[in-house]
């Protein structure tokens, strides 16, 4: 079974659970690894001794944007938009 996921690593995240996130490529949902394994063994009742091999290959990497690129200027947004009267 080959599955593709997006791994997001943010060492400065406020909460520990947001520092390393694994998401499905198409749905962006966090995968249920146990469910994926159960599907591979046909999910019949019982106990299974299994071996799981994880082979990681980075297909593409995008750097997180620099902090200064994320700053928002309040001076620009404090101007009120000009409203025009409809004819």
C-alpha atoms as a PDB file:
ATOM      1  CA  UNK A   1       0.000   0.000   0.000  1.00  0.00           C
ATOM      2  CA  UNK A   2       1.372   3.393  -0.986  1.00  0.00           C
ATOM      3  CA  UNK A   3      -0.259   6.458   0.531  1.00  0.00           C
ATOM      4  CA  UNK A   4       0.738  10.081   0.072  1.00  0.00           C
ATOM      5  CA  UNK A   5       0.408  12.632   2.850  1.00  0.00           C
ATOM      6  CA  UNK A   6       1.397  16.224   3.506  1.00  0.00           C
ATOM      7  CA  UNK A   7       3.616  16.688   6.558  1.00  0.00           C
ATOM      8  CA  UNK A   8       3.620  20.162   8.101  1.00  0.00           C
ATOM      9  CA  UNK A   9       6.275  20.937  10.711  1.00  0.00           C
ATOM     10  CA  UNK A  10       6.049  24.141  12.733  1.00  0.00           C
ATOM     11  CA  UNK A  11       8.534  24.110  15.643  1.00  0.00           C
ATOM     12  CA  UNK A  12       7.199  27.456  16.895  1.00  0.00           C
ATOM     13  CA  UNK A  13       3.512  26.426  17.040  1.00  0.00           C
ATOM     14  CA  UNK A  14       1.684  27.516  20.167  1.00  0.00           C
ATOM     15  CA  UNK A  15       0.397  23.995  20.934  1.00  0.00           C
ATOM     16  CA  UNK A  16       2.444  20.818  20.783  1.00  0.00           C
ATOM     17  CA  UNK A  17      -0.189  19.016  18.664  1.00  0.00           C
ATOM     18  CA  UNK A  18       0.189  21.679  15.961  1.00  0.00           C
ATOM     19  CA  UNK A  19       3.969  21.274  15.651  1.00  0.00           C
ATOM     20  CA  UNK A  20       3.822  18.187  13.467  1.00  0.00           C
ATOM     21  CA  UNK A  21       0.717  17.543  11.364  1.00  0.00           C
ATOM     22  CA  UNK A  22       0.130  14.738   8.880  1.00  0.00           C
ATOM     23  CA  UNK A  23      -2.707  15.372   6.405  1.00  0.00           C
ATOM     24  CA  UNK A  24      -4.278  13.538   3.466  1.00  0.00           C
ATOM     25  CA  UNK A  25      -3.340  15.105   0.127  1.00  0.00           C
ATOM     26  CA  UNK A  26      -6.874  15.300  -1.260  1.00  0.00           C
ATOM     27  CA  UNK A  27      -9.112  15.814   1.772  1.00  0.00           C
ATOM     28  CA  UNK A  28      -6.638  17.581   4.113  1.00  0.00           C
ATOM     29  CA  UNK A  29      -7.978  15.414   6.948  1.00  0.00           C
ATOM     30  CA  UNK A  30      -5.644  13.852   9.479  1.00  0.00           C
ATOM     31  CA  UNK A  31      -5.283  10.181   8.561  1.00  0.00           C
ATOM     32  CA  UNK A  32      -6.381   7.423  10.922  1.00  0.00           C
ATOM     33  CA  UNK A  33      -3.338   5.167  10.643  1.00  0.00           C
ATOM     34  CA  UNK A  34      -5.010   2.323  12.597  1.00  0.00           C
ATOM     35  CA  UNK A  35      -7.966   2.387  10.183  1.00  0.00           C
ATOM     36  CA  UNK A  36      -5.635   2.244   7.180  1.00  0.00           C
ATOM     37  CA  UNK A  37      -3.906  -0.805   8.659  1.00  0.00           C
ATOM     38  CA  UNK A  38      -7.258  -2.472   9.472  1.00  0.00           C
ATOM     39  CA  UNK A  39      -8.326  -2.012   5.847  1.00  0.00           C
ATOM     40  CA  UNK A  40      -5.171  -3.815   4.718  1.00  0.00           C
ATOM     41  CA  UNK A  41      -5.946  -6.865   6.899  1.00  0.00           C
ATOM     42  CA  UNK A  42      -9.615  -6.815   5.809  1.00  0.00           C
ATOM     43  CA  UNK A  43     -10.739  -5.677   9.311  1.00  0.00           C
ATOM     44  CA  UNK A  44     -11.880  -9.146  10.428  1.00  0.00           C
ATOM     45  CA  UNK A  45     -12.332  -9.539  14.171  1.00  0.00           C
ATOM     46  CA  UNK A  46      -9.354 -10.781  16.130  1.00  0.00           C
ATOM     47  CA  UNK A  47      -5.869  -9.795  17.160  1.00  0.00           C
ATOM     48  CA  UNK A  48      -3.067  -9.397  14.673  1.00  0.00           C
ATOM     49  CA  UNK A  49       0.670  -9.296  15.071  1.00  0.00           C
ATOM     50  CA  UNK A  50       1.681  -6.939  12.284  1.00  0.00           C
ATOM     51  CA  UNK A  51       4.809  -5.346  10.963  1.00  0.00           C
ATOM     52  CA  UNK A  52       4.555  -1.850   9.511  1.00  0.00           C
ATOM     53  CA  UNK A  53       7.314  -0.478   7.318  1.00  0.00           C
ATOM     54  CA  UNK A  54       7.445   3.271   6.848  1.00  0.00           C
ATOM     55  CA  UNK A  55       9.514   4.405   3.896  1.00  0.00           C
ATOM     56  CA  UNK A  56       9.752   8.188   3.708  1.00  0.00           C
ATOM     57  CA  UNK A  57      10.633   9.932   0.453  1.00  0.00           C
ATOM     58  CA  UNK A  58      10.349  13.721   0.282  1.00  0.00           C
ATOM     59  CA  UNK A  59       8.671  14.505  -3.034  1.00  0.00           C
ATOM     60  CA  UNK A  60       8.506  18.287  -2.632  1.00  0.00           C
ATOM     61  CA  UNK A  61       9.376  20.779   0.102  1.00  0.00           C
ATOM     62  CA  UNK A  62       8.062  24.277   0.561  1.00  0.00           C
ATOM     63  CA  UNK A  63       9.633  26.501   3.172  1.00  0.00           C
ATOM     64  CA  UNK A  64       7.362  28.251   5.651  1.00  0.00           C
ATOM     65  CA  UNK A  65       6.981  31.978   4.923  1.00  0.00           C
ATOM     66  CA  UNK A  66       9.234  34.291   6.901  1.00  0.00           C
ATOM     67  CA  UNK A  67       7.592  36.022   9.871  1.00  0.00           C
ATOM     68  CA  UNK A  68       8.098  39.484   8.398  1.00  0.00           C
ATOM     69  CA  UNK A  69       6.081  38.487   5.327  1.00  0.00           C
ATOM     70  CA  UNK A  70       3.103  37.707   7.536  1.00  0.00           C
ATOM     71  CA  UNK A  71       2.914  41.103   9.256  1.00  0.00           C
ATOM     72  CA  UNK A  72      -0.188  43.143   8.578  1.00  0.00           C
ATOM     73  CA  UNK A  73      -0.127  46.898   8.409  1.00  0.00           C
ATOM     74  CA  UNK A  74      -2.980  48.391  10.429  1.00  0.00           C
ATOM     75  CA  UNK A  75      -2.382  51.826   8.894  1.00  0.00           C
ATOM     76  CA  UNK A  76      -3.459  50.490   5.505  1.00  0.00           C
ATOM     77  CA  UNK A  77      -6.637  48.919   6.857  1.00  0.00           C
ATOM     78  CA  UNK A  78      -7.723  51.857   9.036  1.00  0.00           C
ATOM     79  CA  UNK A  79      -8.853  53.876   6.034  1.00  0.00           C
ATOM     80  CA  UNK A  80     -12.584  53.665   5.467  1.00  0.00           C
ATOM     81  CA  UNK A  81     -13.591  52.401   2.046  1.00  0.00           C
ATOM     82  CA  UNK A  82     -15.193  54.924  -0.245  1.00  0.00           C
ATOM     83  CA  UNK A  83     -18.825  54.002  -0.834  1.00  0.00           C
ATOM     84  CA  UNK A  84     -20.527  55.175  -3.989  1.00  0.00           C
ATOM     85  CA  UNK A  85     -24.214  55.647  -4.334  1.00  0.00           C
ATOM     86  CA  UNK A  86     -25.912  53.310  -6.789  1.00  0.00           C
ATOM     87  CA  UNK A  87     -27.688  55.036  -9.661  1.00  0.00           C
END
